[in-house]
Protein backbone atom coordinates (compact mmCIF):
# COMPACT_ATOMS: atom_id res chain seq x y z
CA UNK A 1 -46.06 22.11 -42.98
CA UNK A 2 -43.20 19.66 -43.66
CA UNK A 3 -40.57 22.25 -42.69
CA UNK A 4 -42.37 22.96 -39.42
CA UNK A 5 -42.48 19.24 -38.67
CA UNK A 6 -38.75 18.91 -39.36
CA UNK A 7 -38.02 21.82 -37.03
CA UNK A 8 -40.05 20.15 -34.30
CA UNK A 9 -38.19 16.87 -34.83
CA UNK A 10 -34.79 18.60 -34.71
CA UNK A 11 -35.70 20.44 -31.52
CA UNK A 12 -36.96 17.21 -29.94
CA UNK A 13 -33.81 15.30 -30.84
CA UNK A 14 -31.64 18.13 -29.54
CA UNK A 15 -33.44 18.18 -26.21
CA UNK A 16 -33.20 14.40 -25.93
CA UNK A 17 -29.42 14.53 -26.27
CA UNK A 18 -28.97 17.06 -23.46
CA UNK A 19 -27.65 15.22 -20.36
CA UNK A 20 -29.90 17.10 -17.95
CA UNK A 21 -33.21 16.38 -19.70
CA UNK A 22 -35.92 14.39 -18.00
CA UNK A 23 -35.69 11.63 -20.61
CA UNK A 24 -31.98 11.10 -19.92
CA UNK A 25 -32.37 11.29 -16.15
CA UNK A 26 -35.00 8.57 -16.18
CA UNK A 27 -32.35 6.14 -17.41
CA UNK A 28 -29.84 7.00 -14.67
CA UNK A 29 -29.80 5.60 -11.14
CA UNK A 30 -31.70 7.45 -8.45
CA UNK A 31 -28.75 7.37 -6.03
CA UNK A 32 -25.01 6.93 -6.42
CA UNK A 33 -23.26 5.62 -3.31
CA UNK A 34 -19.54 6.46 -3.15
CA UNK A 35 -17.71 3.80 -1.15
CA UNK A 36 -18.57 0.21 -0.25
CA UNK A 37 -17.49 0.06 3.37
CA UNK A 38 -19.85 -0.67 6.24
CA UNK A 39 -21.63 2.70 6.00
CA UNK A 40 -21.91 2.73 2.22
CA UNK A 41 -23.27 -0.79 1.98
CA UNK A 42 -25.67 -0.27 4.90
CA UNK A 43 -26.90 3.00 3.39
CA UNK A 44 -27.47 1.29 0.03
CA UNK A 45 -29.41 -1.54 1.67
CA UNK A 46 -31.56 0.94 3.60
CA UNK A 47 -32.35 2.79 0.38
CA UNK A 48 -33.17 -0.48 -1.36
CA UNK A 49 -35.44 -1.60 1.49
CA UNK A 50 -37.30 1.71 1.12
CA UNK A 51 -37.95 1.02 -2.55
CA UNK A 52 -35.09 3.09 -3.97
CA UNK A 53 -33.47 0.28 -5.93
CA UNK A 54 -31.97 2.32 -8.77
CA UNK A 55 -28.59 2.49 -7.07
CA UNK A 56 -25.00 2.42 -8.26
CA UNK A 57 -22.23 1.76 -5.73
CA UNK A 58 -18.81 3.06 -6.79
CA UNK A 59 -15.95 1.50 -4.83
CA UNK A 60 -12.37 2.71 -5.34
CA UNK A 61 -10.71 -0.60 -4.42
CA UNK A 62 -11.18 -4.17 -5.63
CA UNK A 63 -13.30 -5.27 -2.67
CA UNK A 64 -16.04 -4.19 -0.30
CA UNK A 65 -15.54 -3.70 3.43
CA UNK A 66 -13.46 -0.52 3.55
CA UNK A 67 -11.49 -0.32 6.78
CA UNK A 68 -12.77 -3.74 7.84
CA UNK A 69 -10.23 -5.92 6.10
CA UNK A 70 -8.82 -9.41 6.54
CA UNK A 71 -5.53 -10.58 5.08
CA UNK A 72 -3.50 -13.76 5.24
CA UNK A 73 -0.36 -13.46 7.31
CA UNK A 74 1.93 -16.47 7.66
CA UNK A 75 -1.02 -18.77 7.05
CA UNK A 76 -3.32 -17.05 9.55
CA UNK A 77 -6.29 -14.76 8.72
CA UNK A 78 -5.63 -11.52 10.60
CA UNK A 79 -7.63 -8.30 10.78
CA UNK A 80 -5.52 -5.36 9.67
CA UNK A 81 -8.42 -2.94 10.20
CA UNK A 82 -11.30 -3.21 12.67
CA UNK A 83 -10.88 -6.25 14.92
CA UNK A 84 -13.23 -6.00 17.85
CA UNK A 85 -16.93 -5.79 18.51
CA UNK A 86 -16.68 -3.19 21.26
CA UNK A 87 -19.61 -2.75 23.60
CA UNK A 88 -21.18 -6.10 24.45
CA UNK A 89 -23.28 -7.54 27.32
CA UNK A 90 -24.94 -4.27 28.33
CA UNK A 91 -28.59 -3.33 28.62
CA UNK A 92 -28.80 -2.57 24.89
CA UNK A 93 -27.60 -4.97 22.22
CA UNK A 94 -24.88 -3.75 19.90
CA UNK A 95 -26.30 -4.20 16.37
CA UNK A 96 -22.95 -5.41 15.04
CA UNK A 97 -22.85 -8.07 17.76
CA UNK A 98 -26.24 -9.24 16.49
CA UNK A 99 -24.91 -9.47 12.93
CA UNK A 100 -21.76 -11.29 14.05
CA UNK A 101 -23.87 -13.91 15.80
CA UNK A 102 -26.30 -14.24 12.88
CA UNK A 103 -23.47 -15.48 10.67
CA UNK A 104 -21.74 -17.35 13.53
CA UNK A 105 -18.42 -15.54 13.31
CA UNK A 106 -15.72 -16.92 15.57
CA UNK A 107 -15.07 -14.42 18.39
CA UNK A 108 -13.03 -14.36 21.60
CA UNK A 109 -13.65 -12.41 24.78
CA UNK A 110 -10.77 -10.01 25.47
CA UNK A 111 -9.68 -10.15 29.10
CA UNK A 112 -7.63 -7.08 30.03
CA UNK A 113 -7.95 -7.57 33.79
CA UNK A 114 -4.51 -9.11 34.35
CA UNK A 115 -2.44 -6.62 32.39
CA UNK A 116 -0.89 -5.20 35.57
CA UNK A 117 0.71 -8.61 36.08
CA UNK A 118 2.28 -8.36 32.63
CA UNK A 119 3.72 -4.85 32.45
CA UNK A 120 7.37 -4.76 31.40
CA UNK A 121 10.06 -2.22 32.19
CA UNK A 122 11.99 -0.56 29.38
CA UNK A 123 14.86 -2.82 30.40
CA UNK A 124 14.90 -5.46 33.07
CA UNK A 125 11.78 -7.54 32.90
CA UNK A 126 8.47 -7.21 34.71
CA UNK A 127 7.40 -4.55 37.17
CA UNK A 128 6.42 -5.82 40.57
CA UNK A 129 2.68 -6.44 40.48
CA UNK A 130 1.97 -4.00 43.33
CA UNK A 131 3.90 -1.19 41.60
CA UNK A 132 2.18 -1.71 38.27
CA UNK A 133 -1.25 -2.11 39.87
CA UNK A 134 -0.84 1.22 41.66
CA UNK A 135 -0.31 2.90 38.28
CA UNK A 136 -3.41 1.26 36.78
CA UNK A 137 -5.49 2.17 39.85
CA UNK A 138 -4.34 5.79 39.55
CA UNK A 139 -5.39 5.78 35.87
CA UNK A 140 -8.82 4.47 36.86
CA UNK A 141 -9.16 7.29 39.41
CA UNK A 142 -8.21 9.89 36.79
CA UNK A 143 -10.77 8.43 34.41
CA UNK A 144 -13.50 8.45 37.07
CA UNK A 145 -12.74 12.10 37.88
CA UNK A 146 -12.84 12.96 34.17
CA UNK A 147 -16.20 11.25 33.73
CA UNK A 148 -17.74 13.14 36.65
CA UNK A 149 -16.26 16.42 35.41
CA UNK A 150 -17.57 15.77 31.89
CA UNK A 151 -21.10 15.15 33.17
CA UNK A 152 -20.93 18.29 35.32
CA UNK A 153 -19.66 20.48 32.45
CA UNK A 154 -22.31 19.13 30.13
CA UNK A 155 -25.13 19.77 32.60
CA UNK A 156 -23.89 23.33 33.11
CA UNK A 157 -23.59 23.98 29.38
CA UNK A 158 -19.86 24.63 29.69
CA UNK A 159 -17.40 24.47 26.82
CA UNK A 160 -15.40 21.34 26.08
CA UNK A 161 -11.90 20.70 27.36
CA UNK A 162 -9.34 18.01 26.59
CA UNK A 163 -8.84 14.88 28.66
CA UNK A 164 -5.38 16.23 29.48
CA UNK A 165 -6.93 19.45 30.82
CA UNK A 166 -9.07 17.32 33.11
CA UNK A 167 -5.94 15.59 34.40
CA UNK A 168 -4.38 18.98 35.03
CA UNK A 169 -7.42 20.00 37.06
CA UNK A 170 -6.76 16.95 39.22
CA UNK A 171 -3.12 17.97 39.49
CA UNK A 172 -2.34 14.45 38.32
CA UNK A 173 -0.74 14.48 34.87
CA UNK A 174 1.15 11.25 34.03
CA UNK A 175 4.88 12.03 33.82
CA UNK A 176 6.84 8.88 34.71
CA UNK A 177 7.43 6.28 31.96
CA UNK A 178 5.13 3.81 33.76
CA UNK A 179 2.32 6.33 34.20
CA UNK A 180 2.64 7.49 30.59
CA UNK A 181 2.49 3.90 29.33
CA UNK A 182 -0.65 3.22 31.36
CA UNK A 183 -2.16 6.51 30.17
CA UNK A 184 -1.40 5.51 26.58
CA UNK A 185 -2.95 2.10 27.18
CA UNK A 186 -6.05 3.80 28.64
CA UNK A 187 -6.65 6.45 25.96
CA UNK A 188 -4.46 6.25 22.85
CA UNK A 189 -5.02 2.50 22.54
CA UNK A 190 -8.76 3.25 22.33
CA UNK A 191 -8.94 6.56 20.43
CA UNK A 192 -5.75 6.50 18.35
CA UNK A 193 -4.75 9.95 19.61
CA UNK A 194 -3.40 11.35 22.91
CA UNK A 195 -5.45 12.96 25.70
CA UNK A 196 -4.16 16.44 24.84
CA UNK A 197 -6.27 16.51 21.63
CA UNK A 198 -9.19 14.25 22.59
CA UNK A 199 -12.52 15.77 23.65
CA UNK A 200 -13.56 15.22 27.25
CA UNK A 201 -17.29 15.86 26.75
CA UNK A 202 -17.59 13.39 23.89
CA UNK A 203 -15.47 10.53 25.22
CA UNK A 204 -15.91 10.47 29.00
CA UNK A 205 -18.06 8.53 29.63
CA UNK A 206 -17.95 6.73 26.29
CA UNK A 207 -21.45 6.04 24.89
CA UNK A 208 -20.34 2.75 23.31
CA UNK A 209 -19.66 1.23 26.71
CA UNK A 210 -22.44 2.94 28.67
CA UNK A 211 -25.04 1.91 26.08
CA UNK A 212 -23.88 -1.53 24.95
CA UNK A 213 -21.70 -2.83 27.78
CA UNK A 214 -18.01 -2.82 28.61
CA UNK A 215 -17.03 -6.18 27.11
CA UNK A 216 -15.00 -6.55 23.93
CA UNK A 217 -14.87 -9.54 21.59
CA UNK A 218 -12.10 -10.05 19.07
CA UNK A 219 -13.13 -11.44 15.69
CA UNK A 220 -10.80 -14.25 14.58
CA UNK A 221 -12.54 -16.14 11.80
CA UNK A 222 -11.22 -17.40 8.44
CA UNK A 223 -14.05 -15.51 6.74
CA UNK A 224 -12.93 -12.25 8.34
CA UNK A 225 -14.83 -9.46 10.06
CA UNK A 226 -15.53 -8.13 6.54
CA UNK A 227 -17.97 -11.03 6.04
CA UNK A 228 -20.46 -8.97 8.07
CA UNK A 229 -20.39 -6.33 5.31
CA UNK A 230 -20.81 -9.04 2.67
CA UNK A 231 -23.71 -10.48 4.66
CA UNK A 232 -25.49 -7.12 4.53
CA UNK A 233 -24.64 -6.61 0.84
CA UNK A 234 -26.01 -10.00 -0.19
CA UNK A 235 -29.40 -9.10 1.28
CA UNK A 236 -30.04 -6.66 -1.58
CA UNK A 237 -27.37 -7.34 -4.24
CA UNK A 238 -27.68 -10.34 -6.55
CA UNK A 239 -25.22 -13.23 -6.28
CA UNK A 240 -24.33 -16.30 -8.31
CA UNK A 241 -24.67 -19.93 -7.25
CA UNK A 242 -21.28 -19.75 -5.52
CA UNK A 243 -22.46 -16.82 -3.39
CA UNK A 244 -20.29 -14.23 -5.12
CA UNK A 245 -21.80 -10.79 -5.64
CA UNK A 246 -22.50 -10.33 -9.36
CA UNK A 247 -24.90 -7.40 -9.17
CA UNK A 248 -23.98 -4.85 -11.89
CA UNK A 249 -24.95 -2.04 -9.51
CA UNK A 250 -21.75 -2.71 -7.52
CA UNK A 251 -18.78 -1.36 -9.47
CA UNK A 252 -15.30 -2.01 -8.09
CA UNK A 253 -12.07 -0.21 -8.97
CA UNK A 254 -14.02 2.99 -9.58
CA UNK A 255 -12.16 5.78 -7.78
CA UNK A 256 -14.34 8.89 -7.73
CA UNK A 257 -12.49 12.06 -8.65
CA UNK A 258 -15.28 14.60 -9.12
CA UNK A 259 -18.83 15.20 -7.93
CA UNK A 260 -20.83 17.88 -9.73
CA UNK A 261 -24.09 18.85 -8.07
CA UNK A 262 -26.97 21.22 -8.72
CA UNK A 263 -30.66 21.42 -7.92
CA UNK A 264 -31.30 19.18 -10.92
CA UNK A 265 -29.12 16.23 -9.88
CA UNK A 266 -25.53 15.02 -9.65
CA UNK A 267 -22.81 13.91 -12.03
CA UNK A 268 -20.05 11.67 -10.67
CA UNK A 269 -16.78 11.09 -12.53
CA UNK A 270 -14.21 8.37 -11.87
CA UNK A 271 -10.50 8.01 -12.56
CA UNK A 272 -11.03 5.72 -15.53
CA UNK A 273 -13.11 8.35 -17.32
CA UNK A 274 -16.53 6.93 -16.51
CA UNK A 275 -19.40 9.36 -15.89
CA UNK A 276 -22.54 8.57 -13.88
CA UNK A 277 -25.65 10.67 -13.35
CA UNK A 278 -28.24 10.47 -10.61
CA UNK A 279 -30.71 12.46 -8.61
CA UNK A 280 -28.63 12.16 -5.41
CA UNK A 281 -25.21 11.01 -4.24
CA UNK A 282 -24.32 9.48 -0.87
CA UNK A 283 -20.63 10.00 0.00
CA UNK A 284 -19.31 7.42 2.47
CA UNK A 285 -15.56 7.99 2.19
CA UNK A 286 -13.62 8.59 5.40
CA UNK A 287 -13.28 12.04 6.85
CA UNK A 288 -9.56 11.66 6.20
CA UNK A 289 -10.32 11.47 2.47
CA UNK A 290 -12.74 14.40 2.70
CA UNK A 291 -9.87 16.44 4.13
CA UNK A 292 -7.79 15.81 0.98
CA UNK A 293 -8.33 16.74 -2.65
CA UNK A 294 -9.02 13.20 -3.87
CA UNK A 295 -12.60 14.15 -4.73
CA UNK A 296 -13.25 17.53 -6.31
CA UNK A 297 -16.69 18.98 -5.58
CA UNK A 298 -18.15 21.26 -8.23
CA UNK A 299 -19.14 23.77 -7.01
CA UNK A 300 -16.93 23.74 -3.92
CA UNK A 301 -18.59 22.61 -0.72
CA UNK A 302 -19.73 25.66 1.28
CA UNK A 303 -17.34 27.19 3.79
CA UNK A 304 -19.37 26.03 6.82
CA UNK A 305 -19.16 22.43 5.59
CA UNK A 306 -15.44 22.52 4.86
CA UNK A 307 -14.63 24.15 8.20
CA UNK A 308 -16.55 21.46 10.09
CA UNK A 309 -14.82 18.67 8.12
CA UNK A 310 -11.36 20.14 8.60
CA UNK A 311 -11.82 20.52 12.37
CA UNK A 312 -12.49 16.83 12.98
CA UNK A 313 -9.61 14.36 13.42
CA UNK A 314 -8.69 11.21 11.54
CA UNK A 315 -6.66 8.97 13.83
CA UNK A 316 -4.09 6.41 12.71
CA UNK A 317 -4.07 3.03 14.43
CA UNK A 318 -1.43 0.59 13.18
CA UNK A 319 -1.50 -3.07 14.15
CA UNK A 320 1.86 -4.68 13.42
CA UNK A 321 1.91 -8.49 13.18
CA UNK A 322 5.02 -10.58 13.81
CA UNK A 323 5.58 -14.29 13.17
CA UNK A 324 8.21 -16.24 15.17
CA UNK A 325 9.62 -19.74 14.74
CA UNK A 326 8.66 -20.54 18.33
CA UNK A 327 6.88 -18.99 21.30
CA UNK A 328 8.85 -17.24 24.07
CA UNK A 329 6.08 -15.25 25.81
CA UNK A 330 3.74 -16.46 28.58
CA UNK A 331 0.46 -18.12 27.59
CA UNK A 332 -2.60 -19.22 29.49
CA UNK A 333 -5.38 -17.37 31.28
CA UNK A 334 -4.76 -13.66 31.74
CA UNK A 335 -1.63 -13.46 29.58
CA UNK A 336 -3.06 -12.36 26.22
CA UNK A 337 -2.34 -8.64 26.70
CA UNK A 338 0.86 -7.09 28.01
CA UNK A 339 2.39 -3.62 28.14
CA UNK A 340 5.88 -2.33 27.43
CA UNK A 341 7.03 0.83 29.24
CA UNK A 342 9.42 3.19 27.48
CA UNK A 343 10.66 6.71 28.11
CA UNK A 344 9.17 7.67 24.74
CA UNK A 345 5.40 7.69 25.12
CA UNK A 346 3.66 5.23 22.79
CA UNK A 347 6.82 3.44 21.67
CA UNK A 348 5.54 -0.11 21.01
CA UNK A 349 3.44 -0.02 24.17
CA UNK A 350 0.40 -2.40 23.95
CA UNK A 351 0.99 -6.02 22.96
CA UNK A 352 -1.18 -9.06 22.34
CA UNK A 353 -0.42 -12.67 21.52
CA UNK A 354 -2.78 -14.65 19.28
CA UNK A 355 -2.34 -18.06 20.87
CA UNK A 356 -5.92 -18.08 22.15
CA UNK A 357 -7.30 -17.45 18.67
CA UNK A 358 -4.74 -19.39 16.64
CA UNK A 359 -2.89 -21.93 18.84
CA UNK A 360 0.61 -22.69 17.64
CA UNK A 361 0.67 -19.71 15.28
CA UNK A 362 3.47 -17.98 17.23
CA UNK A 363 2.15 -14.55 16.25
CA UNK A 364 2.45 -11.34 18.27
CA UNK A 365 0.60 -8.12 17.62
CA UNK A 366 1.87 -4.70 18.71
CA UNK A 367 -0.06 -1.47 18.19
CA UNK A 368 1.23 2.02 17.48
CA UNK A 369 -0.78 5.17 16.82
CA UNK A 370 -0.65 8.80 15.73
CA UNK A 371 2.87 10.17 15.18
CA UNK A 372 4.48 6.78 15.68
CA UNK A 373 2.20 5.37 12.99
CA UNK A 374 3.23 8.13 10.58
CA UNK A 375 6.89 7.58 11.36
CA UNK A 376 6.71 3.83 10.92
CA UNK A 377 4.74 4.05 7.67
CA UNK A 378 7.56 6.11 6.18
CA UNK A 379 10.42 3.77 7.07
CA UNK A 380 11.29 0.32 5.66
CA UNK A 381 9.74 -2.65 7.45
CA UNK A 382 13.27 -3.90 8.14
CA UNK A 383 13.91 -0.85 10.35
CA UNK A 384 10.61 -1.33 12.13
CA UNK A 385 11.44 -4.98 12.76
CA UNK A 386 14.86 -4.05 14.15
CA UNK A 387 13.24 -1.60 16.58
CA UNK A 388 10.68 -4.18 17.65
CA UNK A 389 13.26 -6.91 18.20
CA UNK A 390 15.23 -4.55 20.44
CA UNK A 391 12.09 -3.90 22.50
CA UNK A 392 11.27 -7.61 22.75
CA UNK A 393 14.80 -8.50 23.84
CA UNK A 394 14.64 -5.83 26.50
CA UNK A 395 11.44 -7.48 27.73
CA UNK A 396 12.27 -11.18 27.34
CA UNK A 397 16.05 -11.43 27.07
CA UNK A 398 18.62 -11.67 24.31
CA UNK A 399 18.07 -15.35 23.57
CA UNK A 400 14.67 -14.98 21.90
CA UNK A 401 14.47 -15.90 18.19
CA UNK A 402 14.24 -13.36 15.41
CA UNK A 403 10.86 -12.83 13.77
CA UNK A 404 10.48 -14.54 10.39
CA UNK A 405 7.65 -12.32 9.06
CA UNK A 406 6.31 -8.83 9.68
CA UNK A 407 3.15 -7.10 8.42
CA UNK A 408 2.84 -3.30 8.71
CA UNK A 409 -0.48 -1.90 7.42
CA UNK A 410 -0.29 1.63 5.99
CA UNK A 411 -3.70 3.24 6.45
CA UNK A 412 -2.40 6.80 6.54
CA UNK A 413 -0.43 6.46 3.28
CA UNK A 414 -3.38 4.91 1.44
CA UNK A 415 -5.11 7.69 -0.49
CA UNK A 416 -8.45 5.90 -0.27
CA UNK A 417 -8.47 5.96 3.55
CA UNK A 418 -5.92 8.46 4.94
CA UNK A 419 -6.19 6.98 8.41
CA UNK A 420 -7.99 4.38 10.49
CA UNK A 421 -10.99 6.01 12.19
CA UNK A 422 -12.20 9.39 13.39
CA UNK A 423 -11.51 10.82 16.82
CA UNK A 424 -13.51 13.65 18.37
CA UNK A 425 -11.12 16.55 19.10
CA UNK A 426 -11.44 19.44 21.50
CA UNK A 427 -13.37 22.39 20.10
CA UNK A 428 -15.88 20.52 17.94
CA UNK A 429 -19.36 20.71 19.46
CA UNK A 430 -22.71 19.34 18.33
CA UNK A 431 -23.19 22.24 15.92
CA UNK A 432 -20.04 21.45 13.93
CA UNK A 433 -20.80 17.75 14.13
CA UNK A 434 -24.27 18.29 12.67
CA UNK A 435 -22.60 20.28 9.91
CA UNK A 436 -20.25 17.37 9.16
CA UNK A 437 -23.12 15.01 8.42
CA UNK A 438 -25.50 17.61 6.97
CA UNK A 439 -26.34 17.24 3.27
CA UNK A 440 -25.33 19.91 0.80
CA UNK A 441 -28.11 20.10 -1.75
CA UNK A 442 -28.30 16.66 -3.34
CA UNK A 443 -25.00 15.51 -1.81
CA UNK A 444 -25.42 13.39 1.33
CA UNK A 445 -22.73 12.16 3.72
CA UNK A 446 -22.31 9.04 5.82
CA UNK A 447 -19.54 7.11 7.59
CA UNK A 448 -18.50 6.33 11.15
CA UNK A 449 -17.49 9.99 11.49
CA UNK A 450 -21.16 10.99 11.07
CA UNK A 451 -22.34 8.86 14.02
CA UNK A 452 -22.87 11.33 16.86
CA UNK A 453 -22.64 8.78 19.66
CA UNK A 454 -20.43 6.09 18.17
CA UNK A 455 -17.93 7.74 15.83
CA UNK A 456 -14.82 5.64 15.33
CA UNK A 457 -16.57 2.29 15.78
CA UNK A 458 -17.94 -0.37 13.44
CA UNK A 459 -21.39 -0.07 14.98
CA UNK A 460 -21.10 3.69 14.44
CA UNK A 461 -20.49 3.08 10.73
CA UNK A 462 -23.43 0.68 10.57
CA UNK A 463 -25.89 2.99 12.32
CA UNK A 464 -24.65 6.03 10.39
CA UNK A 465 -25.40 4.29 7.10
CA UNK A 466 -28.98 3.72 8.20
CA UNK A 467 -29.42 7.24 9.59
CA UNK A 468 -27.98 9.02 6.55
CA UNK A 469 -30.03 6.90 4.16
CA UNK A 470 -33.19 7.74 6.08
CA UNK A 471 -32.40 11.46 5.81
CA UNK A 472 -32.10 11.05 2.04
CA UNK A 473 -35.27 8.94 1.86
CA UNK A 474 -37.29 11.63 3.64
CA UNK A 475 -36.18 14.14 1.06
CA UNK A 476 -36.51 11.94 -2.03
CA UNK A 477 -39.84 10.32 -1.16
CA UNK A 478 -41.54 12.69 1.26
CA UNK A 479 -39.99 16.01 0.16
CA UNK A 480 -38.88 16.62 3.75
CA UNK A 481 -35.48 18.01 2.89
CA UNK A 482 -34.80 20.38 5.80
CA UNK A 483 -31.94 19.27 8.03
CA UNK A 484 -31.81 20.69 11.56
CA UNK A 485 -28.44 21.76 12.90
CA UNK A 486 -28.14 22.13 16.65
CA UNK A 487 -27.21 25.74 17.61
CA UNK A 488 -23.64 26.32 18.69
CA UNK A 489 -23.06 26.25 22.43
CA UNK A 490 -22.96 29.77 23.84
């Protein structure tokens, strides 16, 4: 009798030590969220609001916010990632605009209407207003044609084409330096990639502007745009008396390297050797990261999932900040944005001064994208500054002062981001998109790239976090685990 009892005890203790037993799983979180950007934090809050509070958030960096990031540059708080609330003053209210106003963030309306008056030649100063305006009017006509064509193709169930293909159908492809600069300002400045790779059906017309309005507001607040993410996080994570997040469920500097999944649960491993178990995992890393080998999935993600992920694009959008000892550019109403024309498309084209937001700061911002971003990330900042000073002297003359400071963000080189935001390329239809955000067993996916209507935008990240969490909640709480994928267009 004693020997039988001992055998029972040994068997019991052996079962208890197995990591996949019920007893062990009861002491692990229900959901692991990978990434603490806008989507990850919003997904975690949605889960918490639904009663799923056993959550662990694993963030690879030392902060939350992801690609919404403020930094101090020459004494001024600048946004090196997302800057604008895009889509304001329409029939529907942009949810991020609501959040920005709830915490009274300091924002500024962006007036692009006068940019034709401030378009500079490669050498020799400003274009005549009538000449520049003709180029901008032609760009508006091309865009209107593309929108009508997109609606027509969609109604007829036709396959997607690029924005460039639409321009070819009009027999109006930008070829002069001025037309190419305006084309860049119209498309690349918005999507981070050129018209030759950007989907017509999914960008013309753009749902962000048709749904929420065409106005844009730049965030310029000492607390940073990232304070919106903190505002959401503090609604479900505990804080101390100073308002700092102290909740042990948020774990910073935890770079995830492996996700093991089965029908019994998930095991997540991090670079420092930590191991976490849960019933589900929500992956909110960028699609740029998903396209690398930073995170190893065991078993491999299915072929249909990988193919969908690899077909989507991760754009690079680099905002370069420059500090000068004094101001030499025009200020006042209608002068905030100006354009530089160069024979090389996208060569330091769109400019902005920050005098409206930070008077007396003497800071200029120039944006580059795509291949120019990759090139600039790989060269010393001193070379970039020399190129920029040459451009500025061609615009404003040789007597302008040299910049005292430069800031060049490197989103593409950063292994935790691998780019700035997603862009919808030609050839990816709703079927592949549904596959991108579809769960694989107990592995769920979120991020701005999983927002069907608003990919690439902050409000897309916010809404995607809610949507993906609700998909998981239906499965975990209601056992409604089937995910519908729209059939491929035929």
